């Protein structure tokens, strides 16, 4: 009798599993949460990189025709302010405002910190609002797309930062043992 009950249970289990209602998307598996997680990761890598480079290394540029490390941090802070203002439905500041204004390591780190605090608001927009359309460089895009574009831009320039650090004999945060 016990064997029959076990066999019946084993045969019935797949049907019972199929009868369960599909799980709804939760905040931890939503598109907004996924983009926020990836942005947080690159944000933290850039923050650590900015701390690791010395004041003198902020003037470092691998070739004369590219941004210095400091200009790169300024560019990232300014572009984040622009992207996140667009996602928040606010008037975007000039993308190059930080890069043109902040020159010291301390000022650039502070500008980066402030842009991250501002962007945290954008990356916490309610999931239901992420589909709203905004003007991004003359095209209609969703707020989610705008945030993804910012995260991608940050990652693109983190790749530059990795090279700058390696050329200065530093190990980038993403390459360190965990």
Protein backbone atom coordinates (compact mmCIF):
# COMPACT_ATOMS: atom_id res chain seq x y z
CA UNK A 1 0.00 0.00 0.00
CA UNK A 2 2.81 2.45 0.89
CA UNK A 3 4.51 1.85 -2.48
CA UNK A 4 1.27 2.68 -4.28
CA UNK A 5 0.89 5.95 -2.35
CA UNK A 6 4.49 6.96 -3.12
CA UNK A 7 4.00 6.07 -6.79
CA UNK A 8 0.76 8.04 -6.97
CA UNK A 9 2.44 11.01 -5.31
CA UNK A 10 5.37 10.88 -7.72
CA UNK A 11 3.03 10.68 -10.72
CA UNK A 12 0.72 13.43 -9.45
CA UNK A 13 3.47 15.93 -8.43
CA UNK A 14 4.18 17.25 -11.97
CA UNK A 15 0.46 17.92 -12.53
CA UNK A 16 0.14 19.66 -9.21
CA UNK A 17 3.12 21.86 -10.02
CA UNK A 18 1.56 22.83 -13.35
CA UNK A 19 -1.66 23.80 -11.64
CA UNK A 20 0.10 26.45 -9.52
CA UNK A 21 -0.56 30.04 -10.63
CA UNK A 22 2.36 31.76 -12.36
CA UNK A 23 4.38 33.98 -10.08
CA UNK A 24 4.13 37.67 -10.72
CA UNK A 25 7.19 39.79 -11.27
CA UNK A 26 8.58 41.05 -8.01
CA UNK A 27 10.78 44.06 -7.38
CA UNK A 28 13.82 41.81 -7.20
CA UNK A 29 13.20 40.42 -10.69
CA UNK A 30 11.83 43.52 -12.39
CA UNK A 31 13.56 45.29 -15.24
CA UNK A 32 13.97 48.40 -13.10
CA UNK A 33 15.58 46.42 -10.29
CA UNK A 34 17.92 44.67 -12.72
CA UNK A 35 19.11 47.97 -14.22
CA UNK A 36 19.46 49.50 -10.74
CA UNK A 37 21.60 46.52 -9.65
CA UNK A 38 23.93 46.85 -12.65
CA UNK A 39 24.15 50.64 -12.21
CA UNK A 40 24.97 50.21 -8.51
CA UNK A 41 27.76 47.79 -9.39
CA UNK A 42 29.45 50.11 -11.91
CA UNK A 43 28.82 53.14 -9.68
CA UNK A 44 30.70 51.43 -6.88
CA UNK A 45 33.58 50.43 -9.19
CA UNK A 46 33.94 54.01 -10.40
CA UNK A 47 33.71 55.37 -6.85
CA UNK A 48 36.48 53.05 -5.67
CA UNK A 49 38.61 53.85 -8.73
CA UNK A 50 38.24 57.57 -8.07
CA UNK A 51 39.41 57.02 -4.49
CA UNK A 52 42.35 54.83 -5.54
CA UNK A 53 43.89 57.24 -8.04
CA UNK A 54 46.14 59.87 -6.44
CA UNK A 55 45.68 63.61 -6.89
CA UNK A 56 48.60 63.59 -9.35
CA UNK A 57 47.06 60.67 -11.29
CA UNK A 58 43.91 62.72 -11.87
CA UNK A 59 45.95 64.64 -14.47
CA UNK A 60 47.06 61.40 -16.17
CA UNK A 61 46.01 60.86 -19.77
CA UNK A 62 47.30 57.88 -21.80
CA UNK A 63 47.60 60.00 -24.95
CA UNK A 64 47.27 63.75 -25.54
CA UNK A 65 43.98 63.40 -27.43
CA UNK A 66 41.92 61.72 -24.65
CA UNK A 67 40.47 62.97 -21.38
CA UNK A 68 42.58 62.94 -18.26
CA UNK A 69 41.41 60.64 -15.47
CA UNK A 70 39.95 63.65 -13.65
CA UNK A 71 38.16 64.87 -16.76
CA UNK A 72 36.72 61.38 -17.17
CA UNK A 73 35.30 61.45 -13.62
CA UNK A 74 33.89 64.93 -14.30
CA UNK A 75 32.37 63.73 -17.56
CA UNK A 76 30.71 60.80 -15.82
CA UNK A 77 29.29 62.99 -13.04
CA UNK A 78 27.95 65.51 -15.54
CA UNK A 79 26.46 62.94 -17.88
CA UNK A 80 24.78 61.13 -14.97
CA UNK A 81 23.21 64.40 -13.86
CA UNK A 82 21.91 64.89 -17.40
CA UNK A 83 20.55 61.36 -17.90
CA UNK A 84 18.94 61.18 -14.48
CA UNK A 85 17.32 64.61 -14.81
CA UNK A 86 15.75 63.42 -18.07
CA UNK A 87 14.49 60.23 -16.40
CA UNK A 88 13.08 62.27 -13.51
CA UNK A 89 11.35 64.67 -15.90
CA UNK A 90 13.49 67.61 -14.79
CA UNK A 91 15.46 70.11 -16.84
CA UNK A 92 18.82 68.50 -17.57
CA UNK A 93 21.97 70.45 -16.75
CA UNK A 94 24.73 70.85 -19.32
CA UNK A 95 26.46 67.51 -19.66
CA UNK A 96 29.92 69.10 -19.50
CA UNK A 97 29.23 71.38 -16.51
CA UNK A 98 31.12 69.24 -13.99
CA UNK A 99 33.99 68.45 -16.33
CA UNK A 100 34.52 72.16 -16.99
CA UNK A 101 34.08 73.24 -13.38
CA UNK A 102 35.59 70.72 -10.97
CA UNK A 103 39.37 70.28 -11.20
CA UNK A 104 40.71 68.75 -7.98
CA UNK A 105 40.37 65.16 -6.84
CA UNK A 106 38.23 66.26 -3.88
CA UNK A 107 35.92 68.38 -6.04
CA UNK A 108 35.54 65.65 -8.65
CA UNK A 109 34.86 62.96 -6.05
CA UNK A 110 32.25 65.22 -4.46
CA UNK A 111 30.60 65.87 -7.83
CA UNK A 112 30.55 62.12 -8.52
CA UNK A 113 29.04 61.46 -5.08
CA UNK A 114 26.35 64.09 -5.67
CA UNK A 115 25.51 62.71 -9.11
CA UNK A 116 25.10 59.26 -7.56
CA UNK A 117 22.75 60.58 -4.89
CA UNK A 118 20.72 62.37 -7.56
CA UNK A 119 20.65 59.29 -9.79
CA UNK A 120 19.57 57.07 -6.91
CA UNK A 121 16.24 58.93 -7.07
CA UNK A 122 15.93 58.13 -10.77
CA UNK A 123 16.87 54.48 -10.33
CA UNK A 124 14.14 54.19 -7.69
CA UNK A 125 11.33 55.44 -9.93
CA UNK A 126 8.28 53.23 -9.48
CA UNK A 127 8.20 50.30 -11.90
CA UNK A 128 4.85 51.56 -13.22
CA UNK A 129 6.49 54.85 -14.32
CA UNK A 130 9.47 53.34 -16.17
CA UNK A 131 7.49 52.99 -19.40
CA UNK A 132 6.72 56.73 -19.58
CA UNK A 133 8.26 58.41 -22.61
CA UNK A 134 10.88 61.17 -22.39
CA UNK A 135 12.93 63.06 -24.94
CA UNK A 136 16.44 61.61 -25.07
CA UNK A 137 18.71 63.30 -27.60
CA UNK A 138 15.79 64.10 -29.90
CA UNK A 139 14.15 60.65 -29.76
CA UNK A 140 11.26 59.45 -27.67
CA UNK A 141 12.51 56.77 -25.26
CA UNK A 142 11.20 55.26 -22.07
CA UNK A 143 12.53 56.26 -18.69
CA UNK A 144 13.85 52.70 -18.36
CA UNK A 145 15.75 53.06 -21.64
CA UNK A 146 17.21 56.35 -20.42
CA UNK A 147 18.45 54.72 -17.21
CA UNK A 148 19.83 51.79 -19.17
CA UNK A 149 21.66 54.23 -21.44
CA UNK A 150 23.21 55.94 -18.41
CA UNK A 151 24.28 52.61 -16.92
CA UNK A 152 25.75 51.55 -20.26
CA UNK A 153 27.59 54.87 -20.59
CA UNK A 154 29.03 54.45 -17.09
CA UNK A 155 30.18 50.92 -17.96
CA UNK A 156 31.70 52.11 -21.22
CA UNK A 157 33.82 54.67 -19.39
CA UNK A 158 34.63 52.27 -16.58
CA UNK A 159 36.42 50.32 -19.31
CA UNK A 160 38.54 53.44 -19.89
CA UNK A 161 39.16 53.74 -16.17
CA UNK A 162 40.40 50.12 -16.02
CA UNK A 163 43.01 50.97 -18.67
CA UNK A 164 44.06 54.17 -16.89
CA UNK A 165 44.46 52.27 -13.62
CA UNK A 166 46.44 49.42 -15.17
CA UNK A 167 48.76 51.89 -16.90
CA UNK A 168 49.33 53.39 -13.43
CA UNK A 169 50.09 49.96 -11.91
CA UNK A 170 46.79 49.83 -9.97
CA UNK A 171 44.36 46.93 -9.87
CA UNK A 172 40.83 47.98 -10.90
CA UNK A 173 38.09 47.19 -8.36
CA UNK A 174 36.37 44.70 -10.68
CA UNK A 175 39.59 42.68 -10.96
CA UNK A 176 40.23 42.34 -7.24
CA UNK A 177 39.59 39.11 -5.37
CA UNK A 178 36.15 38.96 -3.82
